[in-house]
N, C-alpha and C. Protein backbone atom coordinates (compact mmCIF):
# COMPACT_ATOMS: atom_id res chain seq x y z
N MET A 1 -20.15 50.34 14.30
CA MET A 1 -19.30 49.38 13.62
C MET A 1 -18.37 48.71 14.65
N PRO A 2 -18.17 47.36 14.56
CA PRO A 2 -17.26 46.71 15.50
C PRO A 2 -15.83 47.14 15.23
N THR A 3 -15.03 47.19 16.28
CA THR A 3 -13.62 47.56 16.13
C THR A 3 -12.76 46.30 16.24
N MET A 4 -11.70 46.24 15.45
CA MET A 4 -10.80 45.10 15.46
C MET A 4 -9.79 45.26 16.60
N GLN A 5 -9.61 44.18 17.39
CA GLN A 5 -8.65 44.23 18.49
C GLN A 5 -7.24 44.34 17.95
N LYS A 6 -6.48 45.25 18.48
CA LYS A 6 -5.11 45.46 18.02
C LYS A 6 -4.21 44.35 18.49
N ARG A 7 -3.40 43.80 17.60
CA ARG A 7 -2.46 42.74 17.94
C ARG A 7 -1.27 43.32 18.67
N ARG A 8 -0.78 42.57 19.70
CA ARG A 8 0.39 43.01 20.44
C ARG A 8 1.62 43.01 19.54
N GLY A 9 2.58 43.87 19.88
CA GLY A 9 3.84 43.89 19.14
C GLY A 9 3.78 44.81 17.93
N ARG A 10 4.98 45.25 17.51
CA ARG A 10 5.07 46.13 16.35
C ARG A 10 4.93 45.31 15.07
N PRO A 11 4.13 45.77 14.12
CA PRO A 11 4.07 45.06 12.84
C PRO A 11 5.44 45.08 12.18
N PRO A 12 5.84 44.00 11.53
CA PRO A 12 7.16 43.94 10.90
C PRO A 12 7.22 44.83 9.67
N LYS A 13 8.45 45.16 9.25
CA LYS A 13 8.64 45.99 8.07
C LYS A 13 9.09 45.19 6.85
N GLU A 14 9.41 43.90 7.07
CA GLU A 14 9.89 43.12 5.93
C GLU A 14 8.74 42.75 5.01
N GLY A 15 9.09 42.25 3.81
CA GLY A 15 8.08 41.96 2.81
C GLY A 15 7.37 40.63 2.97
N ARG A 16 7.83 39.75 3.87
CA ARG A 16 7.18 38.46 4.04
C ARG A 16 5.80 38.61 4.65
N SER A 17 4.94 37.65 4.36
CA SER A 17 3.62 37.64 4.99
C SER A 17 3.76 37.18 6.44
N ARG A 18 2.73 37.42 7.23
CA ARG A 18 2.74 36.98 8.63
C ARG A 18 2.91 35.47 8.71
N GLU A 19 2.21 34.74 7.84
CA GLU A 19 2.28 33.28 7.86
C GLU A 19 3.68 32.78 7.51
N GLU A 20 4.32 33.41 6.53
CA GLU A 20 5.67 33.00 6.14
C GLU A 20 6.66 33.23 7.27
N THR A 21 6.51 34.34 7.97
CA THR A 21 7.41 34.63 9.08
C THR A 21 7.15 33.68 10.24
N GLN A 22 5.90 33.37 10.50
CA GLN A 22 5.59 32.38 11.54
C GLN A 22 6.25 31.05 11.23
N GLN A 23 6.18 30.61 9.98
CA GLN A 23 6.79 29.35 9.59
C GLN A 23 8.31 29.40 9.79
N ALA A 24 8.91 30.53 9.47
CA ALA A 24 10.36 30.68 9.67
C ALA A 24 10.71 30.61 11.15
N LEU A 25 9.88 31.20 12.00
CA LEU A 25 10.12 31.15 13.44
C LEU A 25 9.94 29.73 13.98
N LEU A 26 9.04 28.96 13.40
CA LEU A 26 8.84 27.58 13.82
C LEU A 26 10.03 26.71 13.41
N ARG A 27 10.54 26.95 12.20
CA ARG A 27 11.71 26.19 11.76
C ARG A 27 12.92 26.50 12.63
N ALA A 28 13.12 27.78 12.91
CA ALA A 28 14.25 28.18 13.76
C ALA A 28 14.06 27.63 15.17
N GLY A 29 12.83 27.61 15.65
CA GLY A 29 12.55 27.07 16.97
C GLY A 29 12.82 25.58 17.05
N THR A 30 12.49 24.87 16.00
CA THR A 30 12.75 23.43 15.98
C THR A 30 14.25 23.16 16.05
N GLU A 31 15.02 23.92 15.28
CA GLU A 31 16.48 23.77 15.31
C GLU A 31 17.03 24.06 16.70
N ALA A 32 16.54 25.14 17.32
CA ALA A 32 17.05 25.53 18.63
C ALA A 32 16.65 24.53 19.71
N MET A 33 15.39 24.09 19.68
CA MET A 33 14.89 23.25 20.76
C MET A 33 15.35 21.80 20.64
N THR A 34 15.67 21.32 19.44
CA THR A 34 16.25 19.98 19.34
C THR A 34 17.69 19.98 19.84
N SER A 35 18.30 21.15 19.87
CA SER A 35 19.68 21.26 20.37
C SER A 35 19.72 21.64 21.84
N ASN A 36 18.87 22.60 22.25
CA ASN A 36 19.01 23.21 23.58
C ASN A 36 17.80 23.06 24.49
N GLY A 37 16.70 22.51 23.99
CA GLY A 37 15.50 22.48 24.79
C GLY A 37 14.75 23.80 24.72
N PHE A 38 13.75 23.95 25.57
CA PHE A 38 12.89 25.13 25.52
C PHE A 38 13.42 26.29 26.36
N THR A 39 13.71 26.04 27.62
CA THR A 39 14.08 27.15 28.51
C THR A 39 15.40 27.78 28.11
N ALA A 40 16.31 26.99 27.53
CA ALA A 40 17.63 27.54 27.15
C ALA A 40 17.63 28.15 25.76
N SER A 41 16.51 28.07 25.05
CA SER A 41 16.44 28.65 23.70
C SER A 41 16.04 30.12 23.83
N GLY A 42 17.00 30.99 23.61
CA GLY A 42 16.75 32.42 23.76
C GLY A 42 16.06 33.01 22.55
N LEU A 43 15.03 33.81 22.81
CA LEU A 43 14.28 34.41 21.71
C LEU A 43 15.12 35.40 20.91
N ASP A 44 16.02 36.11 21.57
CA ASP A 44 16.80 37.13 20.87
C ASP A 44 17.57 36.51 19.70
N GLN A 45 18.25 35.40 19.95
CA GLN A 45 19.04 34.77 18.90
C GLN A 45 18.15 34.20 17.80
N ILE A 46 17.02 33.63 18.18
CA ILE A 46 16.11 33.05 17.19
C ILE A 46 15.52 34.14 16.31
N LEU A 47 15.09 35.25 16.91
CA LEU A 47 14.53 36.35 16.14
C LEU A 47 15.58 36.93 15.20
N LYS A 48 16.81 37.05 15.69
CA LYS A 48 17.89 37.58 14.85
C LYS A 48 18.15 36.68 13.66
N SER A 49 18.11 35.35 13.87
CA SER A 49 18.39 34.41 12.78
C SER A 49 17.32 34.47 11.70
N VAL A 50 16.11 34.87 12.07
CA VAL A 50 15.00 34.94 11.12
C VAL A 50 14.85 36.35 10.56
N GLY A 51 15.53 37.32 11.19
CA GLY A 51 15.42 38.70 10.73
C GLY A 51 14.17 39.40 11.21
N VAL A 52 13.72 39.06 12.44
CA VAL A 52 12.52 39.67 13.01
C VAL A 52 12.95 40.55 14.18
N PRO A 53 12.55 41.81 14.21
CA PRO A 53 12.88 42.67 15.35
C PRO A 53 12.28 42.12 16.64
N LYS A 54 13.00 42.28 17.74
CA LYS A 54 12.53 41.74 19.02
C LYS A 54 11.14 42.24 19.37
N GLY A 55 10.88 43.49 19.10
CA GLY A 55 9.58 44.05 19.46
C GLY A 55 8.42 43.52 18.64
N SER A 56 8.73 42.78 17.58
CA SER A 56 7.67 42.26 16.72
C SER A 56 7.26 40.83 17.06
N PHE A 57 7.93 40.19 18.03
CA PHE A 57 7.65 38.79 18.32
C PHE A 57 6.17 38.57 18.64
N TYR A 58 5.61 39.46 19.47
CA TYR A 58 4.23 39.25 19.91
C TYR A 58 3.20 39.56 18.83
N TYR A 59 3.67 40.01 17.69
CA TYR A 59 2.79 40.14 16.53
C TYR A 59 2.49 38.76 15.96
N TYR A 60 3.40 37.80 16.21
CA TYR A 60 3.27 36.45 15.66
C TYR A 60 2.79 35.42 16.68
N PHE A 61 3.22 35.58 17.93
CA PHE A 61 2.84 34.63 18.98
C PHE A 61 2.52 35.40 20.25
N SER A 62 1.53 34.94 20.99
CA SER A 62 1.08 35.68 22.17
C SER A 62 2.06 35.58 23.34
N SER A 63 2.92 34.55 23.36
CA SER A 63 3.89 34.38 24.44
C SER A 63 4.96 33.40 23.99
N LYS A 64 6.02 33.29 24.76
CA LYS A 64 7.05 32.30 24.44
C LYS A 64 6.48 30.89 24.52
N GLU A 65 5.61 30.66 25.50
CA GLU A 65 5.01 29.32 25.62
C GLU A 65 4.13 29.01 24.41
N ALA A 66 3.37 29.98 23.93
CA ALA A 66 2.54 29.75 22.74
C ALA A 66 3.41 29.41 21.54
N TRP A 67 4.54 30.08 21.43
CA TRP A 67 5.49 29.77 20.36
C TRP A 67 6.05 28.36 20.56
N GLY A 68 6.43 28.01 21.79
CA GLY A 68 6.96 26.68 22.07
C GLY A 68 5.96 25.58 21.76
N MET A 69 4.70 25.82 22.09
CA MET A 69 3.66 24.84 21.79
C MET A 69 3.48 24.70 20.28
N ALA A 70 3.58 25.81 19.56
CA ALA A 70 3.46 25.75 18.10
C ALA A 70 4.63 25.00 17.48
N VAL A 71 5.83 25.18 18.04
CA VAL A 71 7.00 24.43 17.58
C VAL A 71 6.78 22.94 17.82
N LEU A 72 6.24 22.60 18.97
CA LEU A 72 5.95 21.20 19.29
C LEU A 72 4.99 20.59 18.27
N GLU A 73 3.94 21.33 17.90
CA GLU A 73 2.99 20.83 16.91
C GLU A 73 3.67 20.65 15.56
N TRP A 74 4.52 21.59 15.20
CA TRP A 74 5.27 21.52 13.94
C TRP A 74 6.14 20.26 13.92
N TYR A 75 6.86 20.03 15.02
CA TYR A 75 7.75 18.88 15.11
C TYR A 75 6.96 17.58 15.09
N ASP A 76 5.85 17.54 15.81
CA ASP A 76 5.02 16.33 15.84
C ASP A 76 4.55 15.97 14.44
N ALA A 77 4.11 16.96 13.67
CA ALA A 77 3.64 16.70 12.31
C ALA A 77 4.77 16.14 11.45
N PHE A 78 5.96 16.73 11.56
CA PHE A 78 7.12 16.23 10.81
C PHE A 78 7.48 14.80 11.22
N PHE A 79 7.52 14.55 12.52
CA PHE A 79 7.96 13.25 13.01
C PHE A 79 6.94 12.16 12.70
N ARG A 80 5.66 12.50 12.78
CA ARG A 80 4.62 11.52 12.45
C ARG A 80 4.70 11.13 10.97
N ARG A 81 5.01 12.09 10.11
CA ARG A 81 5.16 11.75 8.69
C ARG A 81 6.29 10.74 8.49
N MET A 82 7.39 10.94 9.21
CA MET A 82 8.50 10.00 9.09
C MET A 82 8.11 8.63 9.63
N LEU A 83 7.46 8.60 10.78
CA LEU A 83 7.02 7.33 11.35
C LEU A 83 6.06 6.60 10.41
N GLU A 84 5.08 7.33 9.92
CA GLU A 84 4.06 6.71 9.07
C GLU A 84 4.65 6.21 7.76
N LYS A 85 5.64 6.93 7.24
CA LYS A 85 6.29 6.49 6.00
C LYS A 85 6.86 5.09 6.16
N HIS A 86 7.45 4.82 7.30
CA HIS A 86 8.07 3.51 7.53
C HIS A 86 7.08 2.50 8.12
N LEU A 87 6.35 2.90 9.16
CA LEU A 87 5.52 1.93 9.87
C LEU A 87 4.29 1.52 9.08
N ASN A 88 3.87 2.32 8.13
CA ASN A 88 2.71 1.97 7.28
C ASN A 88 3.12 1.34 5.96
N ASN A 89 4.40 1.06 5.80
CA ASN A 89 4.90 0.48 4.55
C ASN A 89 4.63 -1.02 4.54
N THR A 90 3.50 -1.42 4.00
CA THR A 90 3.10 -2.83 4.03
C THR A 90 3.94 -3.71 3.10
N ALA A 91 4.79 -3.11 2.28
CA ALA A 91 5.69 -3.91 1.45
C ALA A 91 6.81 -4.53 2.28
N ARG A 92 6.95 -4.06 3.51
CA ARG A 92 8.00 -4.56 4.41
C ARG A 92 7.37 -5.33 5.57
N PRO A 93 8.03 -6.38 6.09
CA PRO A 93 7.53 -7.06 7.29
C PRO A 93 7.43 -6.06 8.45
N PRO A 94 6.47 -6.24 9.36
CA PRO A 94 6.25 -5.24 10.42
C PRO A 94 7.49 -4.87 11.22
N LEU A 95 8.27 -5.86 11.67
CA LEU A 95 9.43 -5.52 12.49
C LEU A 95 10.55 -4.88 11.67
N SER A 96 10.59 -5.17 10.38
CA SER A 96 11.56 -4.50 9.50
C SER A 96 11.21 -3.03 9.34
N ARG A 97 9.93 -2.71 9.40
CA ARG A 97 9.50 -1.31 9.32
C ARG A 97 10.05 -0.52 10.50
N LEU A 98 10.03 -1.15 11.67
CA LEU A 98 10.58 -0.49 12.86
C LEU A 98 12.07 -0.25 12.70
N ALA A 99 12.77 -1.24 12.14
CA ALA A 99 14.20 -1.09 11.90
C ALA A 99 14.47 0.00 10.86
N ASP A 100 13.58 0.13 9.87
CA ASP A 100 13.74 1.19 8.86
C ASP A 100 13.63 2.58 9.49
N PHE A 101 12.69 2.71 10.42
CA PHE A 101 12.57 3.98 11.14
C PHE A 101 13.85 4.30 11.90
N VAL A 102 14.39 3.30 12.58
CA VAL A 102 15.62 3.51 13.35
C VAL A 102 16.77 3.89 12.42
N ASP A 103 16.84 3.27 11.25
CA ASP A 103 17.89 3.62 10.29
C ASP A 103 17.82 5.11 9.93
N GLN A 104 16.62 5.60 9.65
CA GLN A 104 16.50 7.01 9.28
C GLN A 104 16.81 7.91 10.46
N ALA A 105 16.36 7.51 11.65
CA ALA A 105 16.65 8.32 12.83
C ALA A 105 18.15 8.41 13.09
N CYS A 106 18.85 7.30 12.92
CA CYS A 106 20.31 7.31 13.11
C CYS A 106 20.98 8.22 12.08
N ALA A 107 20.51 8.15 10.84
CA ALA A 107 21.08 9.00 9.80
C ALA A 107 20.82 10.47 10.10
N GLY A 108 19.63 10.77 10.61
CA GLY A 108 19.30 12.16 10.95
C GLY A 108 20.16 12.69 12.08
N MET A 109 20.44 11.86 13.08
CA MET A 109 21.31 12.28 14.18
C MET A 109 22.73 12.51 13.68
N ALA A 110 23.22 11.59 12.84
CA ALA A 110 24.58 11.71 12.33
C ALA A 110 24.75 12.94 11.45
N LYS A 111 23.69 13.32 10.73
CA LYS A 111 23.75 14.47 9.83
C LYS A 111 24.17 15.74 10.57
N TYR A 112 23.73 15.86 11.83
CA TYR A 112 24.05 17.05 12.63
C TYR A 112 25.08 16.72 13.72
N GLN A 113 25.90 15.67 13.47
CA GLN A 113 26.98 15.29 14.37
C GLN A 113 26.47 15.06 15.81
N PHE A 114 25.24 14.58 15.92
CA PHE A 114 24.62 14.22 17.20
C PHE A 114 24.45 15.42 18.13
N THR A 115 24.41 16.61 17.56
CA THR A 115 24.17 17.81 18.38
C THR A 115 22.67 18.05 18.59
N ARG A 116 21.84 17.43 17.75
CA ARG A 116 20.39 17.58 17.89
C ARG A 116 19.78 16.25 18.31
N GLY A 117 18.81 16.33 19.19
CA GLY A 117 18.13 15.13 19.64
C GLY A 117 16.65 15.18 19.30
N CYS A 118 15.88 14.46 20.08
CA CYS A 118 14.42 14.47 19.91
C CYS A 118 13.85 15.65 20.66
N LEU A 119 13.12 16.51 19.98
CA LEU A 119 12.56 17.69 20.62
C LEU A 119 11.68 17.31 21.79
N VAL A 120 10.86 16.28 21.62
CA VAL A 120 9.95 15.86 22.70
C VAL A 120 10.74 15.33 23.88
N GLY A 121 11.78 14.54 23.61
CA GLY A 121 12.61 14.05 24.70
C GLY A 121 13.32 15.18 25.43
N ASN A 122 13.82 16.15 24.68
CA ASN A 122 14.47 17.31 25.31
C ASN A 122 13.50 18.05 26.22
N LEU A 123 12.30 18.29 25.72
CA LEU A 123 11.31 19.02 26.52
C LEU A 123 10.86 18.20 27.72
N GLY A 124 10.78 16.89 27.54
CA GLY A 124 10.37 16.05 28.66
C GLY A 124 11.32 16.16 29.84
N GLN A 125 12.61 16.36 29.56
CA GLN A 125 13.58 16.51 30.65
C GLN A 125 13.39 17.83 31.39
N GLU A 126 12.67 18.76 30.78
CA GLU A 126 12.41 20.05 31.42
C GLU A 126 11.04 20.08 32.10
N GLY A 127 10.41 18.92 32.23
CA GLY A 127 9.05 18.84 32.74
C GLY A 127 8.75 19.72 33.95
N PRO A 128 9.57 19.70 35.01
CA PRO A 128 9.28 20.52 36.19
C PRO A 128 9.26 22.02 35.91
N LEU A 129 9.88 22.44 34.80
CA LEU A 129 9.95 23.87 34.48
C LEU A 129 8.84 24.30 33.52
N LEU A 130 8.08 23.35 33.00
CA LEU A 130 7.05 23.65 32.02
C LEU A 130 5.67 23.68 32.67
N SER A 131 4.74 24.32 32.00
CA SER A 131 3.38 24.40 32.53
C SER A 131 2.69 23.04 32.43
N ALA A 132 1.62 22.88 33.18
CA ALA A 132 0.86 21.63 33.14
C ALA A 132 0.31 21.38 31.74
N ASP A 133 -0.12 22.44 31.06
CA ASP A 133 -0.66 22.28 29.71
C ASP A 133 0.42 21.80 28.74
N PHE A 134 1.62 22.35 28.89
CA PHE A 134 2.73 21.95 28.02
C PHE A 134 3.06 20.48 28.25
N CYS A 135 3.14 20.07 29.51
CA CYS A 135 3.46 18.67 29.83
C CYS A 135 2.38 17.73 29.31
N ALA A 136 1.12 18.15 29.43
CA ALA A 136 0.02 17.31 28.94
C ALA A 136 0.11 17.13 27.44
N ARG A 137 0.48 18.19 26.73
CA ARG A 137 0.59 18.09 25.28
C ARG A 137 1.77 17.20 24.88
N LEU A 138 2.87 17.28 25.62
CA LEU A 138 4.01 16.40 25.35
C LEU A 138 3.61 14.94 25.51
N GLU A 139 2.88 14.63 26.57
CA GLU A 139 2.44 13.26 26.78
C GLU A 139 1.49 12.80 25.68
N ALA A 140 0.63 13.69 25.21
CA ALA A 140 -0.30 13.35 24.13
C ALA A 140 0.46 13.04 22.84
N VAL A 141 1.52 13.80 22.57
CA VAL A 141 2.33 13.54 21.38
C VAL A 141 2.98 12.16 21.47
N LEU A 142 3.55 11.85 22.63
CA LEU A 142 4.17 10.54 22.81
C LEU A 142 3.14 9.42 22.67
N GLN A 143 1.95 9.64 23.19
CA GLN A 143 0.89 8.63 23.07
C GLN A 143 0.53 8.40 21.60
N GLY A 144 0.55 9.47 20.81
CA GLY A 144 0.27 9.33 19.39
C GLY A 144 1.32 8.50 18.68
N TRP A 145 2.60 8.75 18.97
CA TRP A 145 3.69 7.96 18.39
C TRP A 145 3.60 6.51 18.86
N GLN A 146 3.27 6.36 20.13
CA GLN A 146 3.15 5.03 20.72
C GLN A 146 2.07 4.22 20.01
N ALA A 147 0.97 4.86 19.66
CA ALA A 147 -0.12 4.16 18.98
C ALA A 147 0.32 3.63 17.62
N LEU A 148 1.19 4.39 16.93
CA LEU A 148 1.69 3.93 15.63
C LEU A 148 2.56 2.68 15.78
N VAL A 149 3.41 2.66 16.80
CA VAL A 149 4.24 1.48 17.04
C VAL A 149 3.37 0.31 17.48
N GLU A 150 2.37 0.58 18.28
CA GLU A 150 1.45 -0.49 18.71
C GLU A 150 0.79 -1.15 17.50
N GLN A 151 0.35 -0.36 16.54
CA GLN A 151 -0.27 -0.91 15.33
C GLN A 151 0.71 -1.80 14.56
N THR A 152 1.97 -1.38 14.52
CA THR A 152 2.98 -2.18 13.83
C THR A 152 3.21 -3.51 14.54
N LEU A 153 3.26 -3.47 15.86
CA LEU A 153 3.44 -4.70 16.63
C LEU A 153 2.21 -5.61 16.50
N GLN A 154 1.05 -5.01 16.43
CA GLN A 154 -0.16 -5.81 16.21
C GLN A 154 -0.10 -6.53 14.87
N ALA A 155 0.44 -5.85 13.85
CA ALA A 155 0.60 -6.48 12.54
C ALA A 155 1.56 -7.66 12.63
N ALA A 156 2.62 -7.50 13.43
CA ALA A 156 3.57 -8.60 13.63
C ALA A 156 2.92 -9.75 14.38
N ARG A 157 2.04 -9.44 15.30
CA ARG A 157 1.32 -10.50 16.02
C ARG A 157 0.34 -11.21 15.09
N ASP A 158 -0.33 -10.42 14.26
CA ASP A 158 -1.32 -11.00 13.35
C ASP A 158 -0.69 -11.93 12.32
N ASP A 159 0.55 -11.61 11.88
CA ASP A 159 1.17 -12.47 10.86
C ASP A 159 1.96 -13.63 11.46
N GLY A 160 1.90 -13.74 12.79
CA GLY A 160 2.53 -14.86 13.45
C GLY A 160 3.97 -14.64 13.88
N THR A 161 4.50 -13.45 13.64
CA THR A 161 5.88 -13.16 14.06
C THR A 161 5.97 -13.10 15.58
N LEU A 162 4.96 -12.49 16.21
CA LEU A 162 4.91 -12.41 17.66
C LEU A 162 3.90 -13.40 18.21
N ALA A 163 4.06 -13.74 19.46
CA ALA A 163 3.17 -14.68 20.11
C ALA A 163 1.76 -14.10 20.19
N PRO A 164 0.73 -14.95 20.14
CA PRO A 164 -0.66 -14.46 20.19
C PRO A 164 -0.97 -13.63 21.44
N GLY A 165 -0.30 -13.92 22.52
CA GLY A 165 -0.57 -13.19 23.76
C GLY A 165 0.26 -11.94 23.96
N ALA A 166 1.01 -11.52 22.95
CA ALA A 166 1.87 -10.34 23.08
C ALA A 166 1.02 -9.10 23.41
N ASP A 167 1.40 -8.38 24.44
CA ASP A 167 0.71 -7.15 24.83
C ASP A 167 1.33 -5.99 24.04
N CYS A 168 0.74 -5.71 22.89
CA CYS A 168 1.35 -4.72 21.98
C CYS A 168 1.32 -3.31 22.55
N ALA A 169 0.30 -2.98 23.32
CA ALA A 169 0.23 -1.64 23.92
C ALA A 169 1.37 -1.44 24.92
N GLN A 170 1.60 -2.45 25.75
CA GLN A 170 2.67 -2.35 26.74
C GLN A 170 4.03 -2.34 26.07
N LEU A 171 4.20 -3.15 25.04
CA LEU A 171 5.47 -3.19 24.32
C LEU A 171 5.76 -1.87 23.62
N ALA A 172 4.72 -1.24 23.06
CA ALA A 172 4.91 0.06 22.40
C ALA A 172 5.30 1.14 23.41
N ALA A 173 4.68 1.08 24.59
CA ALA A 173 5.05 2.05 25.63
C ALA A 173 6.51 1.85 26.04
N PHE A 174 6.91 0.59 26.17
CA PHE A 174 8.29 0.28 26.53
C PHE A 174 9.25 0.78 25.45
N PHE A 175 8.86 0.62 24.19
CA PHE A 175 9.72 1.08 23.10
C PHE A 175 10.04 2.56 23.24
N TRP A 176 9.02 3.39 23.45
CA TRP A 176 9.28 4.84 23.47
C TRP A 176 10.01 5.28 24.73
N ILE A 177 9.74 4.59 25.85
CA ILE A 177 10.49 4.92 27.07
C ILE A 177 11.98 4.64 26.84
N GLY A 178 12.28 3.49 26.27
CA GLY A 178 13.67 3.14 26.01
C GLY A 178 14.31 3.95 24.90
N TRP A 179 13.52 4.24 23.86
CA TRP A 179 14.06 4.97 22.71
C TRP A 179 14.54 6.36 23.09
N GLU A 180 13.74 7.07 23.89
CA GLU A 180 14.15 8.42 24.27
C GLU A 180 15.44 8.39 25.08
N GLY A 181 15.62 7.36 25.90
CA GLY A 181 16.88 7.22 26.63
C GLY A 181 18.04 6.91 25.70
N ALA A 182 17.78 6.10 24.67
CA ALA A 182 18.83 5.77 23.71
C ALA A 182 19.27 7.00 22.92
N VAL A 183 18.32 7.86 22.56
CA VAL A 183 18.66 9.09 21.84
C VAL A 183 19.51 10.01 22.72
N LEU A 184 19.13 10.10 23.98
CA LEU A 184 19.91 10.93 24.92
C LEU A 184 21.35 10.41 25.01
N ARG A 185 21.50 9.09 25.12
CA ARG A 185 22.85 8.49 25.23
C ARG A 185 23.63 8.68 23.93
N ALA A 186 22.93 8.62 22.80
CA ALA A 186 23.60 8.83 21.51
C ALA A 186 24.18 10.23 21.42
N ARG A 187 23.47 11.22 21.91
CA ARG A 187 24.00 12.59 21.92
C ARG A 187 25.21 12.69 22.84
N LEU A 188 25.14 12.00 23.96
CA LEU A 188 26.24 12.06 24.93
C LEU A 188 27.51 11.45 24.35
N THR A 189 27.35 10.30 23.66
CA THR A 189 28.51 9.60 23.12
C THR A 189 28.85 9.99 21.69
N ARG A 190 27.98 10.81 21.07
CA ARG A 190 28.13 11.19 19.68
C ARG A 190 28.27 9.95 18.79
N SER A 191 27.36 9.03 19.01
CA SER A 191 27.40 7.76 18.29
C SER A 191 25.98 7.19 18.18
N GLU A 192 25.73 6.48 17.08
CA GLU A 192 24.44 5.83 16.91
C GLU A 192 24.35 4.50 17.65
N ASP A 193 25.47 4.06 18.25
CA ASP A 193 25.50 2.75 18.90
C ASP A 193 24.40 2.56 19.94
N PRO A 194 24.11 3.55 20.82
CA PRO A 194 23.04 3.32 21.79
C PRO A 194 21.68 3.06 21.14
N MET A 195 21.39 3.71 20.04
CA MET A 195 20.11 3.49 19.36
C MET A 195 20.07 2.11 18.72
N ARG A 196 21.17 1.70 18.12
CA ARG A 196 21.25 0.37 17.53
C ARG A 196 21.14 -0.71 18.61
N LEU A 197 21.82 -0.49 19.72
CA LEU A 197 21.79 -1.45 20.81
C LEU A 197 20.38 -1.58 21.39
N PHE A 198 19.71 -0.45 21.54
CA PHE A 198 18.35 -0.50 22.08
C PHE A 198 17.43 -1.29 21.16
N LEU A 199 17.50 -1.01 19.85
CA LEU A 199 16.63 -1.73 18.91
C LEU A 199 16.91 -3.23 18.97
N ALA A 200 18.18 -3.61 18.99
CA ALA A 200 18.52 -5.03 19.04
C ALA A 200 17.97 -5.68 20.30
N GLY A 201 18.10 -5.00 21.43
CA GLY A 201 17.57 -5.53 22.68
C GLY A 201 16.06 -5.61 22.68
N PHE A 202 15.43 -4.59 22.11
CA PHE A 202 13.96 -4.58 22.06
C PHE A 202 13.45 -5.74 21.21
N LEU A 203 14.03 -5.91 20.03
CA LEU A 203 13.58 -6.98 19.14
C LEU A 203 13.86 -8.36 19.75
N ALA A 204 15.02 -8.50 20.42
CA ALA A 204 15.36 -9.79 21.02
C ALA A 204 14.41 -10.15 22.16
N GLY A 205 13.88 -9.14 22.81
CA GLY A 205 13.02 -9.40 23.96
C GLY A 205 11.54 -9.57 23.62
N LEU A 206 11.17 -9.44 22.36
CA LEU A 206 9.76 -9.57 21.99
C LEU A 206 9.31 -11.02 22.15
N PRO A 207 8.09 -11.21 22.61
CA PRO A 207 7.57 -12.58 22.78
C PRO A 207 7.30 -13.25 21.43
N ARG A 208 7.98 -14.34 21.20
CA ARG A 208 7.84 -15.07 19.94
C ARG A 208 7.07 -16.37 20.17
N ILE A 209 6.69 -16.98 19.08
CA ILE A 209 5.98 -18.25 19.16
C ILE A 209 6.98 -19.36 19.50
């Protein structure tokens, strides 16, 4: 008879299922990493907040990096839903959809008094400390968000808002490069003004007919 490989770490004693506890660890990780990044997010405090004994961590994740990657996937899914809600809203003009996204992002930052930023932007600043696989996944996430903005700009070009020769791929890349800097500055100043200023500058600089 085949034998089942034993999972690392002590099995937990609480009544939650493994999946429920994993989800709780991902939520706690998202909160910690949007505030402190990856390397500064200590597992001890996160495990304590979820009620998981330290020795049981490896029952849920094979390593801290595996947990960090899972948090990244969790955050990407959440953020893409927010982006798609606004950018795919065909009841609104394409560029207004982008402004709607910024409105929600500003409200989300203000909700936590600008103590939390973009998880992907935070991790990107730690690039030299992360593995090549982690950095590659961060870039892939950004490329996915970038593609959504590119589609929105293409819609603006198609309806005549933007000039026929507008390079929507390049403009979308520029948007995310600038946006992550605006979010960083908003945390520094504890104000939504940098995000509003960036959007205004981005829209003003778009090639029009």
